[in-house]
C-alpha atoms as a PDB file:
ATOM      1  CA  MET A   1       0.543  -0.028  -0.255  1.00  0.00           C
ATOM      2  CA  HIS A   2       1.097   3.722  -0.047  1.00  0.00           C
ATOM      3  CA  ARG A   3       0.511   4.611   2.771  1.00  0.00           C
ATOM      4  CA  VAL A   4       0.153   3.753   6.812  1.00  0.00           C
ATOM      5  CA  PRO A   5      -4.206   2.073   6.071  1.00  0.00           C
ATOM      6  CA  TYR A   6      -5.095   3.084   9.883  1.00  0.00           C
ATOM      7  CA  PRO A   7      -6.266   4.541  11.470  1.00  0.00           C
ATOM      8  CA  PRO A   8      -9.429   4.209   8.922  1.00  0.00           C
ATOM      9  CA  ASP A   9     -10.124   8.081   9.349  1.00  0.00           C
ATOM     10  CA  LYS A  10      -9.890   9.307   5.343  1.00  0.00           C
ATOM     11  CA  GLY A  11     -10.923   8.266   2.491  1.00  0.00           C
ATOM     12  CA  ASP A  12      -8.111   6.404   1.365  1.00  0.00           C
ATOM     13  CA  ARG A  13      -7.059   5.189   4.367  1.00  0.00           C
ATOM     14  CA  ILE A  14     -10.885   3.669   4.871  1.00  0.00           C
ATOM     15  CA  ARG A  15     -11.570   2.304   1.734  1.00  0.00           C
ATOM     16  CA  ALA A  16      -7.235   0.515   2.256  1.00  0.00           C
ATOM     17  CA  PHE A  17      -7.547  -0.788   5.817  1.00  0.00           C
ATOM     18  CA  HIS A  18     -10.960  -2.386   4.443  1.00  0.00           C
ATOM     19  CA  VAL A  19      -9.493  -4.403   1.615  1.00  0.00           C
ATOM     20  CA  LEU A  20      -6.740  -5.370   4.156  1.00  0.00           C
ATOM     21  CA  LYS A  21      -9.254  -6.666   6.419  1.00  0.00           C
ATOM     22  CA  TRP A  22     -11.104  -8.981   3.339  1.00  0.00           C
ATOM     23  CA  LEU A  23      -8.069  -9.610   2.087  1.00  0.00           C
ATOM     24  CA  SER A  24      -7.011 -11.062   5.390  1.00  0.00           C
ATOM     25  CA  GLN A  25      -9.837 -13.128   5.647  1.00  0.00           C
ATOM     26  CA  ARG A  26      -8.926 -15.491   2.256  1.00  0.00           C
ATOM     27  CA  ALA A  27      -5.312 -15.340   2.362  1.00  0.00           C
ATOM     28  CA  ALA A  28      -1.862 -14.909   4.802  1.00  0.00           C
ATOM     29  CA  VAL A  29      -0.908 -11.036   4.150  1.00  0.00           C
ATOM     30  CA  HIS A  30       2.154  -9.434   3.792  1.00  0.00           C
ATOM     31  CA  LEU A  31       1.970  -5.716   4.015  1.00  0.00           C
ATOM     32  CA  ALA A  32       4.617  -2.992   3.092  1.00  0.00           C
ATOM     33  CA  CYS A  33       3.476   0.553   3.221  1.00  0.00           C
ATOM     34  CA  LEU A  34       5.155   4.170   3.844  1.00  0.00           C
ATOM     35  CA  ALA A  35       4.182   6.717   6.449  1.00  0.00           C
ATOM     36  CA  ASP A  36       4.838   9.975   6.451  1.00  0.00           C
ATOM     37  CA  GLU A  37       3.950  10.705   9.741  1.00  0.00           C
ATOM     38  CA  PRO A  38       4.747   8.682  12.971  1.00  0.00           C
ATOM     39  CA  VAL A  39       3.600   5.771  13.409  1.00  0.00           C
ATOM     40  CA  THR A  40       2.739   4.320  17.310  1.00  0.00           C
ATOM     41  CA  GLU A  41       2.519   1.322  18.820  1.00  0.00           C
ATOM     42  CA  GLU A  42      -1.597   1.842  18.648  1.00  0.00           C
ATOM     43  CA  VAL A  43      -1.469   2.016  14.452  1.00  0.00           C
ATOM     44  CA  ILE A  44       0.625  -1.429  14.582  1.00  0.00           C
ATOM     45  CA  ALA A  45      -1.008  -3.002  16.995  1.00  0.00           C
ATOM     46  CA  GLY A  46      -4.448  -2.275  14.531  1.00  0.00           C
ATOM     47  CA  LEU A  47      -2.725  -3.407  11.774  1.00  0.00           C
ATOM     48  CA  GLU A  48      -1.006  -6.932  13.214  1.00  0.00           C
ATOM     49  CA  PRO A  49      -4.466  -8.622  13.609  1.00  0.00           C
ATOM     50  CA  PHE A  50      -4.536  -8.993   9.777  1.00  0.00           C
ATOM     51  CA  CYS A  51      -0.939  -9.299   8.269  1.00  0.00           C
ATOM     52  CA  GLU A  52       1.211 -12.460   8.933  1.00  0.00           C
ATOM     53  CA  ARG A  53       4.367  -9.632   8.128  1.00  0.00           C
ATOM     54  CA  LEU A  54       3.997  -5.689   8.568  1.00  0.00           C
ATOM     55  CA  ALA A  55       7.171  -3.448   7.617  1.00  0.00           C
ATOM     56  CA  VAL A  56       6.118   0.190   7.700  1.00  0.00           C
ATOM     57  CA  VAL A  57       8.913   2.437   5.729  1.00  0.00           C
ATOM     58  CA  PRO A  58       9.514   6.088   7.240  1.00  0.00           C
ATOM     59  CA  VAL A  59       9.453   8.394   4.850  1.00  0.00           C
ATOM     60  CA  GLY A  60       9.998  12.351   4.820  1.00  0.00           C
ATOM     61  CA  LYS A  61       7.575  14.587   3.711  1.00  0.00           C
ATOM     62  CA  TRP A  62       8.186  16.022   0.359  1.00  0.00           C
ATOM     63  CA  THR A  63       6.100  18.273  -2.829  1.00  0.00           C
ATOM     64  CA  PRO A  64       5.851  17.691  -6.579  1.00  0.00           C
ATOM     65  CA  LEU A  65       6.430  21.366  -6.310  1.00  0.00           C
ATOM     66  CA  GLY A  66       9.688  21.311  -3.784  1.00  0.00           C
ATOM     67  CA  GLN A  67      10.864  18.247  -6.113  1.00  0.00           C
ATOM     68  CA  GLY A  68      11.089  20.410  -9.124  1.00  0.00           C
ATOM     69  CA  ALA A  69      12.300  23.383  -7.924  1.00  0.00           C
ATOM     70  CA  GLY A  70      15.242  20.890  -7.055  1.00  0.00           C
ATOM     71  CA  PHE A  71      15.707  19.918 -10.671  1.00  0.00           C
ATOM     72  CA  SER A  72      15.250  23.878 -11.863  1.00  0.00           C
ATOM     73  CA  GLY A  73      18.605  24.688  -9.394  1.00  0.00           C
ATOM     74  CA  ARG A  74      16.238  27.246  -7.307  1.00  0.00           C
ATOM     75  CA  ARG A  75      16.053  26.748  -3.706  1.00  0.00           C
ATOM     76  CA  PRO A  76      12.434  24.699  -2.420  1.00  0.00           C
ATOM     77  CA  HIS A  77      10.884  27.127  -0.070  1.00  0.00           C
ATOM     78  CA  PRO A  78      10.416  25.067   3.476  1.00  0.00           C
END
């Protein structure tokens, strides 16, 4: 998944969480997702019942505009 699907409090997380639940009832799920914010123990505990294996990879925040500014030689604004 492209983002941590827990807690299911926003559109993409709600959909992804329900897909995860559905899949876990039918097969062993190995979930890898990106985290652009801190991941608490409660989040991990909320996902573990549905996953055979779970990997949450922290990434820094970025914006396409900020990334594009790096290619143009200009410095992105914080």
